[in-house]
């Protein structure tokens, strides 16, 4: 069974691991809402990262997994990769799938016309 897991440094510098066994299917719809926001030209890379971190935090039932805990608990060089991998895993994308080929139905309609 697929599980989400994240290991964060706490305020004492200790590593703490969190796991999530169940992610409701509705979260896929939330993911597509993020994708639609990304299509807006006024949507900044900073806001995109903050929204993705919020999304990841919301996937975990543990109250300790907050956006701030993620931002403070991951090294800078692993933040985006960790966040993106958790999102892709949560919405059912396998590593052998090419995330660049993920296109929202809205974007697909635009490109088909």
Protein backbone atom coordinates (compact mmCIF):
# COMPACT_ATOMS: atom_id res chain seq x y z
CA UNK A 1 0.00 0.00 0.00
CA UNK A 2 1.27 3.46 -0.87
CA UNK A 3 2.03 5.75 2.03
CA UNK A 4 3.15 9.32 2.12
CA UNK A 5 6.05 10.06 4.40
CA UNK A 6 8.05 13.13 5.22
CA UNK A 7 11.01 13.57 7.54
CA UNK A 8 11.48 17.03 9.00
CA UNK A 9 13.97 18.60 11.35
CA UNK A 10 12.19 19.89 14.46
CA UNK A 11 13.10 23.06 16.37
CA UNK A 12 15.77 21.08 18.29
CA UNK A 13 17.40 19.84 15.08
CA UNK A 14 16.10 16.30 15.55
CA UNK A 15 14.66 14.38 12.61
CA UNK A 16 11.00 13.47 12.99
CA UNK A 17 9.21 11.28 10.44
CA UNK A 18 5.50 11.44 9.67
CA UNK A 19 3.41 9.01 7.62
CA UNK A 20 -0.01 9.23 6.05
CA UNK A 21 -1.82 6.05 5.00
CA UNK A 22 -4.93 7.53 3.40
CA UNK A 23 -5.39 10.48 1.10
CA UNK A 24 -8.98 11.02 -0.07
CA UNK A 25 -9.54 11.01 -3.82
CA UNK A 26 -10.96 14.53 -3.55
CA UNK A 27 -7.40 15.76 -3.11
CA UNK A 28 -6.84 15.13 -6.83
CA UNK A 29 -9.41 17.86 -7.51
CA UNK A 30 -7.54 20.17 -5.14
CA UNK A 31 -4.37 19.42 -7.11
CA UNK A 32 -6.07 20.44 -10.36
CA UNK A 33 -7.18 23.71 -8.73
CA UNK A 34 -3.51 24.41 -8.05
CA UNK A 35 -2.70 23.64 -11.68
CA UNK A 36 -5.38 26.08 -12.85
CA UNK A 37 -3.94 28.82 -10.62
CA UNK A 38 -0.53 28.16 -12.16
CA UNK A 39 -1.93 29.03 -15.60
CA UNK A 40 -2.64 32.60 -14.43
CA UNK A 41 0.18 34.90 -15.63
CA UNK A 42 -0.02 36.91 -12.37
CA UNK A 43 0.62 33.81 -10.26
CA UNK A 44 4.16 34.18 -8.93
CA UNK A 45 6.67 31.35 -8.43
CA UNK A 46 6.80 32.26 -4.73
CA UNK A 47 3.02 31.91 -4.36
CA UNK A 48 3.14 28.67 -6.31
CA UNK A 49 5.70 27.23 -3.90
CA UNK A 50 3.74 28.41 -0.86
CA UNK A 51 0.54 26.87 -2.26
CA UNK A 52 2.32 23.57 -2.94
CA UNK A 53 3.75 23.53 0.60
CA UNK A 54 0.26 24.25 2.01
CA UNK A 55 -1.14 21.42 -0.11
CA UNK A 56 1.47 18.96 1.16
CA UNK A 57 0.89 19.97 4.79
CA UNK A 58 -2.84 19.41 4.31
CA UNK A 59 -2.23 15.84 3.14
CA UNK A 60 -1.05 14.80 6.61
CA UNK A 61 -3.39 14.28 9.57
CA UNK A 62 -0.66 15.04 12.09
CA UNK A 63 -1.05 18.58 13.39
CA UNK A 64 2.74 18.95 13.60
CA UNK A 65 3.00 18.86 9.79
CA UNK A 66 2.31 22.50 9.00
CA UNK A 67 3.50 24.71 6.15
CA UNK A 68 5.96 26.37 8.55
CA UNK A 69 7.18 22.99 9.81
CA UNK A 70 7.86 21.95 6.21
CA UNK A 71 9.59 25.22 5.29
CA UNK A 72 11.73 25.17 8.44
CA UNK A 73 12.19 21.41 8.61
CA UNK A 74 13.61 20.69 5.16
CA UNK A 75 16.94 21.77 3.78
CA UNK A 76 16.67 24.40 1.06
CA UNK A 77 18.14 22.06 -1.56
CA UNK A 78 15.52 19.38 -0.89
CA UNK A 79 12.41 21.53 -0.40
CA UNK A 80 10.99 21.68 -3.92
CA UNK A 81 11.89 18.10 -4.85
CA UNK A 82 10.36 16.72 -1.64
CA UNK A 83 7.19 18.79 -2.01
CA UNK A 84 6.75 17.87 -5.68
CA UNK A 85 7.40 14.16 -5.06
CA UNK A 86 4.79 14.08 -2.28
CA UNK A 87 2.23 15.84 -4.46
CA UNK A 88 2.80 13.49 -7.38
CA UNK A 89 2.62 10.45 -5.13
CA UNK A 90 -0.59 11.72 -3.49
CA UNK A 91 -2.34 12.15 -6.84
CA UNK A 92 -1.15 8.78 -8.12
CA UNK A 93 1.61 9.71 -10.55
CA UNK A 94 4.28 7.02 -10.75
CA UNK A 95 7.95 7.93 -11.09
CA UNK A 96 8.06 6.41 -14.57
CA UNK A 97 5.34 8.86 -15.68
CA UNK A 98 6.63 12.13 -17.06
CA UNK A 99 5.16 14.94 -14.91
CA UNK A 100 5.71 17.36 -17.80
CA UNK A 101 3.05 15.45 -19.71
CA UNK A 102 0.46 16.05 -17.00
CA UNK A 103 -1.92 18.55 -18.50
CA UNK A 104 -5.08 19.75 -16.88
CA UNK A 105 -8.26 19.19 -18.90
CA UNK A 106 -8.53 22.99 -19.21
CA UNK A 107 -5.06 23.29 -20.78
CA UNK A 108 -5.72 20.29 -23.02
CA UNK A 109 -8.87 21.98 -24.39
CA UNK A 110 -6.86 25.13 -25.16
CA UNK A 111 -4.14 23.21 -27.00
CA UNK A 112 -6.62 21.08 -28.96
CA UNK A 113 -8.46 24.10 -30.36
